[in-house]
Amino acid sequence: MKNTITLIAATIIFLFVVSFTLQNSADIPLKILFWESQGSLAMMIALTFTSGILVAILALLPKIIRLRHELRETNKKYSLLQKQSIQKSTNKN
């Protein structure tokens, strides 16, 4: 059931993107400092959106790496404490 809902949502999003692209295919100029280019409005919006996602990922990357390291260290400590607990319980018996 979950796969069906995901497939339906993906199809709706795909149809929306295709419709948006067909309706916004006019060429527009893009000027950045001394660089100039022409491209479709839909392509420019897609590139801007993709650039924003990449910037967000790069901004979050240090925190993700730090949290993974902390998780790895916590799992090591947890494993060590489990082993110590098992050893103490077997020594009591």
Protein backbone atom coordinates (compact mmCIF):
# COMPACT_ATOMS: atom_id res chain seq x y z
CA MET A 1 0.00 0.00 0.00
CA LYS A 2 2.81 2.39 0.93
CA ASN A 3 4.55 1.70 -2.41
CA THR A 4 1.33 2.49 -4.27
CA ILE A 5 0.96 5.83 -2.50
CA THR A 6 4.62 6.65 -3.20
CA LEU A 7 4.17 5.75 -6.87
CA ILE A 8 1.04 7.90 -7.17
CA ALA A 9 2.78 10.86 -5.47
CA ALA A 10 5.84 10.48 -7.73
CA THR A 11 3.60 10.37 -10.81
CA ILE A 12 1.74 13.52 -9.75
CA ILE A 13 5.02 15.36 -9.08
CA PHE A 14 6.42 14.19 -12.43
CA LEU A 15 3.32 15.42 -14.28
CA PHE A 16 3.55 18.75 -12.46
CA VAL A 17 7.22 19.14 -13.45
CA VAL A 18 6.49 18.26 -17.10
CA SER A 19 3.58 20.72 -17.18
CA PHE A 20 5.72 23.44 -15.58
CA THR A 21 8.53 22.83 -18.08
CA LEU A 22 6.22 23.00 -21.08
CA GLN A 23 4.54 26.19 -19.88
CA ASN A 24 7.82 27.97 -19.02
CA SER A 25 10.04 27.21 -21.99
CA ALA A 26 10.72 30.83 -22.99
CA ASP A 27 14.37 31.83 -23.23
CA ILE A 28 15.53 34.37 -20.68
CA PRO A 29 18.88 36.12 -20.26
CA LEU A 30 21.02 35.34 -17.24
CA LYS A 31 23.65 37.87 -16.21
CA ILE A 32 26.10 37.28 -13.38
CA LEU A 33 28.81 39.94 -13.05
CA PHE A 34 30.64 39.76 -16.39
CA TRP A 35 29.13 36.46 -17.54
CA GLU A 36 25.99 36.29 -19.67
CA SER A 37 23.95 33.31 -20.88
CA GLN A 38 20.58 32.41 -22.37
CA GLY A 39 18.38 29.55 -21.21
CA SER A 40 14.82 28.48 -20.63
CA LEU A 41 13.05 29.74 -17.53
CA ALA A 42 12.32 26.20 -16.38
CA MET A 43 15.99 25.24 -16.69
CA MET A 44 17.10 28.31 -14.74
CA ILE A 45 14.63 27.55 -11.95
CA ALA A 46 15.74 23.90 -11.86
CA LEU A 47 19.40 24.93 -11.67
CA THR A 48 18.66 27.42 -8.90
CA PHE A 49 16.70 24.82 -6.94
CA THR A 50 19.48 22.24 -7.36
CA SER A 51 22.11 24.78 -6.32
CA GLY A 52 20.12 25.57 -3.19
CA ILE A 53 19.91 21.89 -2.27
CA LEU A 54 23.67 21.47 -2.76
CA VAL A 55 24.44 24.52 -0.61
CA ALA A 56 22.15 23.19 2.14
CA ILE A 57 23.82 19.77 2.04
CA LEU A 58 27.27 21.33 2.21
CA ALA A 59 26.18 23.50 5.14
CA LEU A 60 24.84 20.48 7.04
CA LEU A 61 27.72 18.13 6.22
CA PRO A 62 29.98 19.06 9.19
CA LYS A 63 27.12 18.52 11.65
CA ILE A 64 26.21 15.18 10.05
CA ILE A 65 29.83 14.01 10.26
CA ARG A 66 30.09 15.11 13.91
CA LEU A 67 26.83 13.36 14.84
CA ARG A 68 27.91 10.14 13.12
CA HIS A 69 31.19 10.24 15.04
CA GLU A 70 29.33 10.80 18.33
CA LEU A 71 26.95 7.93 17.52
CA ARG A 72 29.86 5.60 16.76
CA GLU A 73 31.55 6.53 20.07
CA THR A 74 28.30 6.09 22.00
CA ASN A 75 27.74 2.66 20.42
CA LYS A 76 31.27 1.61 21.42
CA LYS A 77 30.65 2.72 25.02
CA TYR A 78 27.28 0.94 25.06
CA SER A 79 28.84 -2.27 23.76
CA LEU A 80 31.59 -2.08 26.38
CA LEU A 81 29.05 -1.52 29.17
CA GLN A 82 27.00 -4.48 27.95
CA LYS A 83 30.06 -6.73 28.04
CA GLN A 84 30.94 -5.53 31.54
CA SER A 85 27.37 -6.12 32.70
CA ILE A 86 27.37 -9.65 31.29
CA GLN A 87 30.71 -10.41 32.95
CA LYS A 88 29.46 -9.13 36.32
CA SER A 89 26.27 -11.18 36.10
CA THR A 90 28.19 -14.37 35.20
CA ASN A 91 30.68 -13.79 38.05
CA LYS A 92 27.83 -13.53 40.58
CA ASN A 93 26.43 -16.92 39.54
